[in-house]
């Protein structure tokens, strides 16, 4: 049975997650605590990618999801925004070349 934090996710892949049944505190460690065990659990999870994508897409604050910390996920989002911006810029430049 899915409870706690996991119950709020309501995602189809969740029942396959390696963290089901694990103490939520492992994934949301307090100051001075290490997320090592959470990252180990995530490392062997068959739905790690789905979980990470969910956390990035929904901008989940705090914790370890998909094996990555909030700080790491924030960097990933920034990199994606930059890449998307560059793709859009290239598209506009190419559109102007075609019209000219």
Protein backbone atom coordinates (compact mmCIF):
# COMPACT_ATOMS: atom_id res chain seq x y z
CA UNK A 1 0.00 0.00 0.00
CA UNK A 2 1.28 3.45 -0.94
CA UNK A 3 1.26 5.89 1.98
CA UNK A 4 2.69 9.24 3.06
CA UNK A 5 4.57 11.30 0.49
CA UNK A 6 4.14 8.58 -2.13
CA UNK A 7 0.36 8.62 -1.82
CA UNK A 8 0.32 12.25 -2.97
CA UNK A 9 2.22 11.48 -6.19
CA UNK A 10 -0.55 9.41 -7.81
CA UNK A 11 1.62 8.25 -10.72
CA UNK A 12 1.21 4.95 -12.61
CA UNK A 13 4.88 4.00 -12.23
CA UNK A 14 4.89 4.45 -8.47
CA UNK A 15 3.95 0.88 -7.57
CA UNK A 16 7.27 -0.23 -9.10
CA UNK A 17 9.37 2.23 -7.07
CA UNK A 18 12.11 0.78 -4.91
CA UNK A 19 11.38 3.33 -2.18
CA UNK A 20 7.85 2.11 -1.42
CA UNK A 21 7.82 1.12 2.22
CA UNK A 22 11.05 2.99 3.01
CA UNK A 23 11.06 5.68 5.66
CA UNK A 24 10.24 9.02 3.98
CA UNK A 25 12.77 10.71 6.27
CA UNK A 26 15.55 8.99 4.31
CA UNK A 27 14.52 10.98 1.23
CA UNK A 28 14.00 14.25 3.08
CA UNK A 29 16.97 14.36 5.45
CA UNK A 30 17.34 17.31 7.77
CA UNK A 31 20.32 19.60 8.01
CA UNK A 32 23.50 17.71 8.74
CA UNK A 33 22.00 14.40 7.61
CA UNK A 34 23.17 12.59 4.53
CA UNK A 35 20.94 11.37 1.68
CA UNK A 36 23.35 8.49 0.98
CA UNK A 37 20.85 5.69 1.73
CA UNK A 38 18.13 7.39 -0.34
CA UNK A 39 20.50 7.73 -3.29
CA UNK A 40 21.46 4.06 -2.96
CA UNK A 41 17.79 3.04 -3.00
CA UNK A 42 17.16 5.25 -6.04
CA UNK A 43 20.24 3.87 -7.79
CA UNK A 44 18.65 0.43 -8.01
CA UNK A 45 15.12 1.61 -8.77
CA UNK A 46 13.47 0.49 -12.03
CA UNK A 47 11.50 3.77 -12.28
CA UNK A 48 14.29 6.17 -11.32
CA UNK A 49 14.04 8.10 -14.60
CA UNK A 50 10.27 8.51 -14.30
CA UNK A 51 10.64 9.72 -10.72
CA UNK A 52 13.36 12.21 -11.65
CA UNK A 53 11.30 13.52 -14.58
CA UNK A 54 8.31 13.92 -12.28
CA UNK A 55 10.37 15.85 -9.73
CA UNK A 56 11.79 18.15 -12.41
CA UNK A 57 8.46 18.67 -14.20
CA UNK A 58 6.53 19.36 -10.97
CA UNK A 59 9.37 21.35 -9.39
CA UNK A 60 9.29 19.24 -6.23
CA UNK A 61 10.94 21.18 -3.42
CA UNK A 62 13.42 19.40 -1.18
CA UNK A 63 14.31 15.78 -0.86
CA UNK A 64 15.92 13.17 -3.04
CA UNK A 65 13.79 12.04 -5.97
CA UNK A 66 15.08 10.01 -8.87
CA UNK A 67 18.41 9.82 -7.08
CA UNK A 68 18.99 13.58 -7.28
CA UNK A 69 18.83 16.33 -4.67
CA UNK A 70 16.75 19.48 -5.09
CA UNK A 71 19.92 21.44 -5.90
CA UNK A 72 20.86 18.98 -8.62
CA UNK A 73 17.34 19.03 -10.08
CA UNK A 74 17.40 22.84 -10.06
CA UNK A 75 20.61 22.75 -12.13
CA UNK A 76 19.02 20.27 -14.54
CA UNK A 77 15.99 22.55 -15.01
CA UNK A 78 18.28 25.53 -15.67
CA UNK A 79 20.26 23.53 -18.25
CA UNK A 80 17.04 22.46 -19.98
CA UNK A 81 15.77 26.06 -20.08
CA UNK A 82 19.07 27.21 -21.58
CA UNK A 83 19.02 24.46 -24.22
CA UNK A 84 15.41 25.22 -25.09
CA UNK A 85 16.19 28.92 -25.38
CA UNK A 86 19.08 28.16 -27.75
CA UNK A 87 16.89 25.89 -29.88
CA UNK A 88 14.21 28.57 -30.11
CA UNK A 89 16.80 31.18 -31.03
CA UNK A 90 18.21 28.94 -33.78
CA UNK A 91 14.67 28.35 -35.05
CA UNK A 92 14.00 32.09 -35.29
CA UNK A 93 17.32 32.68 -37.06
CA UNK A 94 16.58 29.91 -39.55
CA UNK A 95 13.09 31.28 -40.15
CA UNK A 96 14.54 34.70 -40.96
CA UNK A 97 17.02 33.15 -43.42
CA UNK A 98 14.20 31.31 -45.19
CA UNK A 99 12.09 34.46 -45.50
CA UNK A 100 14.97 36.65 -46.77
